[in-house]
Amino acid sequence: MAVKIPADIVRLLNLHQGSKLIIEISREGIVIKPERSRNLDELLDRITPENLHSEVDWGKREGNEPW
């Protein structure tokens, strides 16, 4: 099934092919809204000691790698 979104709404919300949308059901019907993008601080706030992986040794540097 597909939903056609009018061009003026697409432009207003800065949507494009592949934009992620959230679909919710309310008492009034269906609500479709763009998925909110997270900024770096919000993503970093989600790191906990439980989900932080240990450092990985990738071996000696090759070519012009800075590390």
PDB file of N, CA and C in Angstrom:
ATOM      1  N   MET A   1       0.842  -1.159   0.000  1.00  0.00           N
ATOM      2  CA  MET A   1       0.000   0.000   0.000  1.00  0.00           C
ATOM      3  C   MET A   1       0.899   1.237   0.000  1.00  0.00           C
ATOM      4  N   ALA A   2       0.458   2.285  -0.619  1.00  0.00           N
ATOM      5  CA  ALA A   2       1.233   3.529  -0.707  1.00  0.00           C
ATOM      6  C   ALA A   2       0.371   4.713  -0.293  1.00  0.00           C
ATOM      7  N   VAL A   3       1.029   5.751   0.181  1.00  0.00           N
ATOM      8  CA  VAL A   3       0.356   7.001   0.533  1.00  0.00           C
ATOM      9  C   VAL A   3       1.025   8.113  -0.254  1.00  0.00           C
ATOM     10  N   LYS A   4       0.244   8.876  -1.014  1.00  0.00           N
ATOM     11  CA  LYS A   4       0.795   9.991  -1.779  1.00  0.00           C
ATOM     12  C   LYS A   4       0.795  11.231  -0.900  1.00  0.00           C
ATOM     13  N   ILE A   5       1.965  11.842  -0.758  1.00  0.00           N
ATOM     14  CA  ILE A   5       2.103  13.065   0.029  1.00  0.00           C
ATOM     15  C   ILE A   5       2.203  14.233  -0.943  1.00  0.00           C
ATOM     16  N   PRO A   6       1.346  15.228  -0.806  1.00  0.00           N
ATOM     17  CA  PRO A   6       1.372  16.366  -1.726  1.00  0.00           C
ATOM     18  C   PRO A   6       2.746  17.049  -1.757  1.00  0.00           C
ATOM     19  N   ALA A   7       3.127  17.535  -2.945  1.00  0.00           N
ATOM     20  CA  ALA A   7       4.448  18.124  -3.157  1.00  0.00           C
ATOM     21  C   ALA A   7       4.728  19.289  -2.218  1.00  0.00           C
ATOM     22  N   ASP A   8       3.729  20.120  -1.924  1.00  0.00           N
ATOM     23  CA  ASP A   8       3.983  21.266  -1.044  1.00  0.00           C
ATOM     24  C   ASP A   8       4.322  20.815   0.379  1.00  0.00           C
ATOM     25  N   ILE A   9       3.738  19.713   0.828  1.00  0.00           N
ATOM     26  CA  ILE A   9       4.068  19.174   2.150  1.00  0.00           C
ATOM     27  C   ILE A   9       5.453  18.541   2.127  1.00  0.00           C
ATOM     28  N   VAL A  10       5.792  17.855   1.048  1.00  0.00           N
ATOM     29  CA  VAL A  10       7.125  17.261   0.898  1.00  0.00           C
ATOM     30  C   VAL A  10       8.184  18.348   1.015  1.00  0.00           C
ATOM     31  N   ARG A  11       7.975  19.466   0.317  1.00  0.00           N
ATOM     32  CA  ARG A  11       8.943  20.575   0.370  1.00  0.00           C
ATOM     33  C   ARG A  11       8.979  21.197   1.764  1.00  0.00           C
ATOM     34  N   LEU A  12       7.825  21.429   2.347  1.00  0.00           N
ATOM     35  CA  LEU A  12       7.740  22.057   3.662  1.00  0.00           C
ATOM     36  C   LEU A  12       8.486  21.248   4.726  1.00  0.00           C
ATOM     37  N   LEU A  13       8.358  19.929   4.663  1.00  0.00           N
ATOM     38  CA  LEU A  13       8.992  19.052   5.643  1.00  0.00           C
ATOM     39  C   LEU A  13      10.378  18.577   5.213  1.00  0.00           C
ATOM     40  N   ASN A  14      10.841  19.050   4.040  1.00  0.00           N
ATOM     41  CA  ASN A  14      12.149  18.668   3.503  1.00  0.00           C
ATOM     42  C   ASN A  14      12.281  17.143   3.397  1.00  0.00           C
ATOM     43  N   LEU A  15      11.245  16.505   2.866  1.00  0.00           N
ATOM     44  CA  LEU A  15      11.262  15.059   2.657  1.00  0.00           C
ATOM     45  C   LEU A  15      11.871  14.742   1.302  1.00  0.00           C
ATOM     46  N   HIS A  16      12.380  13.541   1.174  1.00  0.00           N
ATOM     47  CA  HIS A  16      12.939  13.079  -0.094  1.00  0.00           C
ATOM     48  C   HIS A  16      12.780  11.565  -0.173  1.00  0.00           C
ATOM     49  N   GLN A  17      13.079  11.017  -1.322  1.00  0.00           N
ATOM     50  CA  GLN A  17      13.010   9.566  -1.503  1.00  0.00           C
ATOM     51  C   GLN A  17      13.852   8.901  -0.430  1.00  0.00           C
ATOM     52  N   GLY A  18      13.284   7.991   0.316  1.00  0.00           N
ATOM     53  CA  GLY A  18      14.012   7.281   1.362  1.00  0.00           C
ATOM     54  C   GLY A  18      13.895   7.905   2.744  1.00  0.00           C
ATOM     55  N   SER A  19      13.208   9.061   2.865  1.00  0.00           N
ATOM     56  CA  SER A  19      13.018   9.661   4.189  1.00  0.00           C
ATOM     57  C   SER A  19      12.277   8.680   5.090  1.00  0.00           C
ATOM     58  N   LYS A  20      12.687   8.600   6.343  1.00  0.00           N
ATOM     59  CA  LYS A  20      12.023   7.711   7.290  1.00  0.00           C
ATOM     60  C   LYS A  20      10.853   8.449   7.919  1.00  0.00           C
ATOM     61  N   LEU A  21       9.717   7.778   7.956  1.00  0.00           N
ATOM     62  CA  LEU A  21       8.500   8.354   8.517  1.00  0.00           C
ATOM     63  C   LEU A  21       7.987   7.475   9.643  1.00  0.00           C
ATOM     64  N   ILE A  22       7.337   8.097  10.606  1.00  0.00           N
ATOM     65  CA  ILE A  22       6.694   7.379  11.705  1.00  0.00           C
ATOM     66  C   ILE A  22       5.194   7.399  11.439  1.00  0.00           C
ATOM     67  N   ILE A  23       4.558   6.251  11.534  1.00  0.00           N
ATOM     68  CA  ILE A  23       3.115   6.147  11.333  1.00  0.00           C
ATOM     69  C   ILE A  23       2.487   5.743  12.660  1.00  0.00           C
ATOM     70  N   GLU A  24       1.552   6.565  13.130  1.00  0.00           N
ATOM     71  CA  GLU A  24       0.869   6.302  14.393  1.00  0.00           C
ATOM     72  C   GLU A  24      -0.636   6.297  14.163  1.00  0.00           C
ATOM     73  N   ILE A  25      -1.333   5.585  15.017  1.00  0.00           N
ATOM     74  CA  ILE A  25      -2.793   5.572  14.970  1.00  0.00           C
ATOM     75  C   ILE A  25      -3.294   6.417  16.135  1.00  0.00           C
ATOM     76  N   SER A  26      -4.194   7.337  15.844  1.00  0.00           N
ATOM     77  CA  SER A  26      -4.795   8.170  16.891  1.00  0.00           C
ATOM     78  C   SER A  26      -6.313   8.016  16.814  1.00  0.00           C
ATOM     79  N   ARG A  27      -7.013   8.654  17.714  1.00  0.00           N
ATOM     80  CA  ARG A  27      -8.478   8.594  17.680  1.00  0.00           C
ATOM     81  C   ARG A  27      -9.025   9.232  16.416  1.00  0.00           C
ATOM     82  N   GLU A  28      -8.290  10.222  15.895  1.00  0.00           N
ATOM     83  CA  GLU A  28      -8.743  10.924  14.697  1.00  0.00           C
ATOM     84  C   GLU A  28      -8.402  10.180  13.406  1.00  0.00           C
ATOM     85  N   GLY A  29      -7.474   9.239  13.461  1.00  0.00           N
ATOM     86  CA  GLY A  29      -7.077   8.503  12.265  1.00  0.00           C
ATOM     87  C   GLY A  29      -5.598   8.158  12.293  1.00  0.00           C
ATOM     88  N   ILE A  30      -4.959   8.281  11.150  1.00  0.00           N
ATOM     89  CA  ILE A  30      -3.543   7.950  11.003  1.00  0.00           C
ATOM     90  C   ILE A  30      -2.734   9.236  11.010  1.00  0.00           C
ATOM     91  N   VAL A  31      -1.617   9.227  11.758  1.00  0.00           N
ATOM     92  CA  VAL A  31      -0.701  10.364  11.805  1.00  0.00           C
ATOM     93  C   VAL A  31       0.614   9.913  11.190  1.00  0.00           C
ATOM     94  N   ILE A  32       1.078  10.645  10.189  1.00  0.00           N
ATOM     95  CA  ILE A  32       2.357  10.348   9.536  1.00  0.00           C
ATOM     96  C   ILE A  32       3.258  11.550   9.763  1.00  0.00           C
ATOM     97  N   LYS A  33       4.439  11.298  10.350  1.00  0.00           N
ATOM     98  CA  LYS A  33       5.361  12.399  10.594  1.00  0.00           C
ATOM     99  C   LYS A  33       6.790  11.945  10.342  1.00  0.00           C
ATOM    100  N   PRO A  34       7.676  12.884  10.002  1.00  0.00           N
ATOM    101  CA  PRO A  34       9.070  12.519   9.748  1.00  0.00           C
ATOM    102  C   PRO A  34       9.731  12.005  11.026  1.00  0.00           C
ATOM    103  N   GLU A  35      10.608  11.023  10.850  1.00  0.00           N
ATOM    104  CA  GLU A  35      11.385  10.553  11.993  1.00  0.00           C
ATOM    105  C   GLU A  35      12.382  11.638  12.358  1.00  0.00           C
ATOM    106  N   ARG A  36      12.434  11.978  13.620  1.00  0.00           N
ATOM    107  CA  ARG A  36      13.337  13.030  14.082  1.00  0.00           C
ATOM    108  C   ARG A  36      14.774  12.527  14.031  1.00  0.00           C
ATOM    109  N   SER A  37      15.659  13.320  13.459  1.00  0.00           N
ATOM    110  CA  SER A  37      17.063  12.927  13.446  1.00  0.00           C
ATOM    111  C   SER A  37      17.685  13.339  14.773  1.00  0.00           C
ATOM    112  N   ARG A  38      18.576  12.546  15.258  1.00  0.00           N
ATOM    113  CA  ARG A  38      19.211  12.817  16.545  1.00  0.00           C
ATOM    114  C   ARG A  38      20.533  13.537  16.326  1.00  0.00           C
ATOM    115  N   ASN A  39      20.872  14.420  17.245  1.00  0.00           N
ATOM    116  CA  ASN A  39      22.168  15.080  17.146  1.00  0.00           C
ATOM    117  C   ASN A  39      23.201  14.260  17.918  1.00  0.00           C
ATOM    118  N   LEU A  40      24.456  14.630  17.786  1.00  0.00           N
ATOM    119  CA  LEU A  40      25.543  13.854  18.379  1.00  0.00           C
ATOM    120  C   LEU A  40      25.409  13.754  19.895  1.00  0.00           C
ATOM    121  N   ASP A  41      25.043  14.840  20.558  1.00  0.00           N
ATOM    122  CA  ASP A  41      24.908  14.803  22.014  1.00  0.00           C
ATOM    123  C   ASP A  41      23.848  13.798  22.455  1.00  0.00           C
ATOM    124  N   GLU A  42      22.733  13.738  21.733  1.00  0.00           N
ATOM    125  CA  GLU A  42      21.683  12.773  22.076  1.00  0.00           C
ATOM    126  C   GLU A  42      22.181  11.342  21.904  1.00  0.00           C
ATOM    127  N   LEU A  43      22.954  11.098  20.857  1.00  0.00           N
ATOM    128  CA  LEU A  43      23.487   9.755  20.632  1.00  0.00           C
ATOM    129  C   LEU A  43      24.510   9.387  21.704  1.00  0.00           C
ATOM    130  N   LEU A  44      25.394  10.327  22.055  1.00  0.00           N
ATOM    131  CA  LEU A  44      26.409  10.049  23.069  1.00  0.00           C
ATOM    132  C   LEU A  44      25.784   9.815  24.440  1.00  0.00           C
ATOM    133  N   ASP A  45      24.670  10.484  24.723  1.00  0.00           N
ATOM    134  CA  ASP A  45      23.981  10.289  26.001  1.00  0.00           C
ATOM    135  C   ASP A  45      23.470   8.862  26.165  1.00  0.00           C
ATOM    136  N   ARG A  46      23.319   8.143  25.078  1.00  0.00           N
ATOM    137  CA  ARG A  46      22.796   6.775  25.139  1.00  0.00           C
ATOM    138  C   ARG A  46      23.887   5.738  25.409  1.00  0.00           C
ATOM    139  N   ILE A  47      25.159   6.168  25.426  1.00  0.00           N
ATOM    140  CA  ILE A  47      26.262   5.243  25.705  1.00  0.00           C
ATOM    141  C   ILE A  47      26.335   5.003  27.206  1.00  0.00           C
ATOM    142  N   THR A  48      26.357   3.739  27.574  1.00  0.00           N
ATOM    143  CA  THR A  48      26.453   3.351  28.982  1.00  0.00           C
ATOM    144  C   THR A  48      27.626   2.388  29.148  1.00  0.00           C
ATOM    145  N   PRO A  49      28.084   2.153  30.377  1.00  0.00           N
ATOM    146  CA  PRO A  49      29.146   1.164  30.576  1.00  0.00           C
ATOM    147  C   PRO A  49      28.756  -0.217  30.048  1.00  0.00           C
ATOM    148  N   GLU A  50      27.458  -0.519  30.055  1.00  0.00           N
ATOM    149  CA  GLU A  50      27.002  -1.836  29.599  1.00  0.00           C
ATOM    150  C   GLU A  50      27.068  -1.995  28.079  1.00  0.00           C
ATOM    151  N   ASN A  51      26.900  -0.900  27.321  1.00  0.00           N
ATOM    152  CA  ASN A  51      26.910  -1.048  25.861  1.00  0.00           C
ATOM    153  C   ASN A  51      28.169  -0.475  25.208  1.00  0.00           C
ATOM    154  N   LEU A  52      29.145  -0.062  26.008  1.00  0.00           N
ATOM    155  CA  LEU A  52      30.407   0.471  25.486  1.00  0.00           C
ATOM    156  C   LEU A  52      31.361  -0.692  25.240  1.00  0.00           C
ATOM    157  N   HIS A  53      31.830  -0.829  24.015  1.00  0.00           N
ATOM    158  CA  HIS A  53      32.741  -1.938  23.722  1.00  0.00           C
ATOM    159  C   HIS A  53      34.172  -1.542  24.075  1.00  0.00           C
ATOM    160  N   SER A  54      35.024  -2.535  24.230  1.00  0.00           N
ATOM    161  CA  SER A  54      36.420  -2.273  24.573  1.00  0.00           C
ATOM    162  C   SER A  54      37.184  -1.800  23.337  1.00  0.00           C
ATOM    163  N   GLU A  55      38.365  -1.255  23.589  1.00  0.00           N
ATOM    164  CA  GLU A  55      39.206  -0.766  22.499  1.00  0.00           C
ATOM    165  C   GLU A  55      39.654  -1.946  21.631  1.00  0.00           C
ATOM    166  N   VAL A  56      39.773  -1.714  20.339  1.00  0.00           N
ATOM    167  CA  VAL A  56      40.174  -2.758  19.400  1.00  0.00           C
ATOM    168  C   VAL A  56      41.556  -2.426  18.852  1.00  0.00           C
ATOM    169  N   ASP A  57      42.462  -3.384  18.891  1.00  0.00           N
ATOM    170  CA  ASP A  57      43.795  -3.199  18.311  1.00  0.00           C
ATOM    171  C   ASP A  57      43.731  -3.637  16.853  1.00  0.00           C
ATOM    172  N   TRP A  58      43.876  -2.682  15.942  1.00  0.00           N
ATOM    173  CA  TRP A  58      43.795  -2.969  14.519  1.00  0.00           C
ATOM    174  C   TRP A  58      45.163  -3.283  13.917  1.00  0.00           C
ATOM    175  N   GLY A  59      46.198  -3.427  14.752  1.00  0.00           N
ATOM    176  CA  GLY A  59      47.520  -3.758  14.254  1.00  0.00           C
ATOM    177  C   GLY A  59      48.302  -2.517  13.863  1.00  0.00           C
ATOM    178  N   LYS A  60      49.448  -2.741  13.230  1.00  0.00           N
ATOM    179  CA  LYS A  60      50.303  -1.601  12.866  1.00  0.00           C
ATOM    180  C   LYS A  60      49.680  -0.799  11.733  1.00  0.00           C
ATOM    181  N   ARG A  61      50.065   0.477  11.661  1.00  0.00           N
ATOM    182  CA  ARG A  61      49.497   1.346  10.636  1.00  0.00           C
ATOM    183  C   ARG A  61      50.036   0.975   9.259  1.00  0.00           C
ATOM    184  N   GLU A  62      49.255   1.271   8.260  1.00  0.00           N
ATOM    185  CA  GLU A  62      49.599   0.969   6.873  1.00  0.00           C
ATOM    186  C   GLU A  62      49.582   2.260   6.070  1.00  0.00           C
ATOM    187  N   GLY A  63      50.514   2.455   5.190  1.00  0.00           N
ATOM    188  CA  GLY A  63      50.504   3.614   4.307  1.00  0.00           C
ATOM    189  C   GLY A  63      50.533   4.931   5.064  1.00  0.00           C
ATOM    190  N   ASN A  64      49.595   5.841   4.740  1.00  0.00           N
ATOM    191  CA  ASN A  64      49.560   7.178   5.332  1.00  0.00           C
ATOM    192  C   ASN A  64      48.553   7.309   6.465  1.00  0.00           C
ATOM    193  N   GLU A  65      48.148   6.206   7.076  1.00  0.00           N
ATOM    194  CA  GLU A  65      47.198   6.280   8.181  1.00  0.00           C
ATOM    195  C   GLU A  65      47.819   7.052   9.343  1.00  0.00           C
ATOM    196  N   PRO A  66      47.052   7.938   9.993  1.00  0.00           N
ATOM    197  CA  PRO A  66      47.620   8.772  11.050  1.00  0.00           C
ATOM    198  C   PRO A  66      47.824   8.063  12.387  1.00  0.00           C
ATOM    199  N   TRP A  67      47.277   6.876  12.601  1.00  0.00           N
ATOM    200  CA  TRP A  67      47.426   6.240  13.906  1.00  0.00           C
ATOM    201  C   TRP A  67      48.415   5.120  13.902  1.00  0.00           C
TER     202      TRP A  67
END
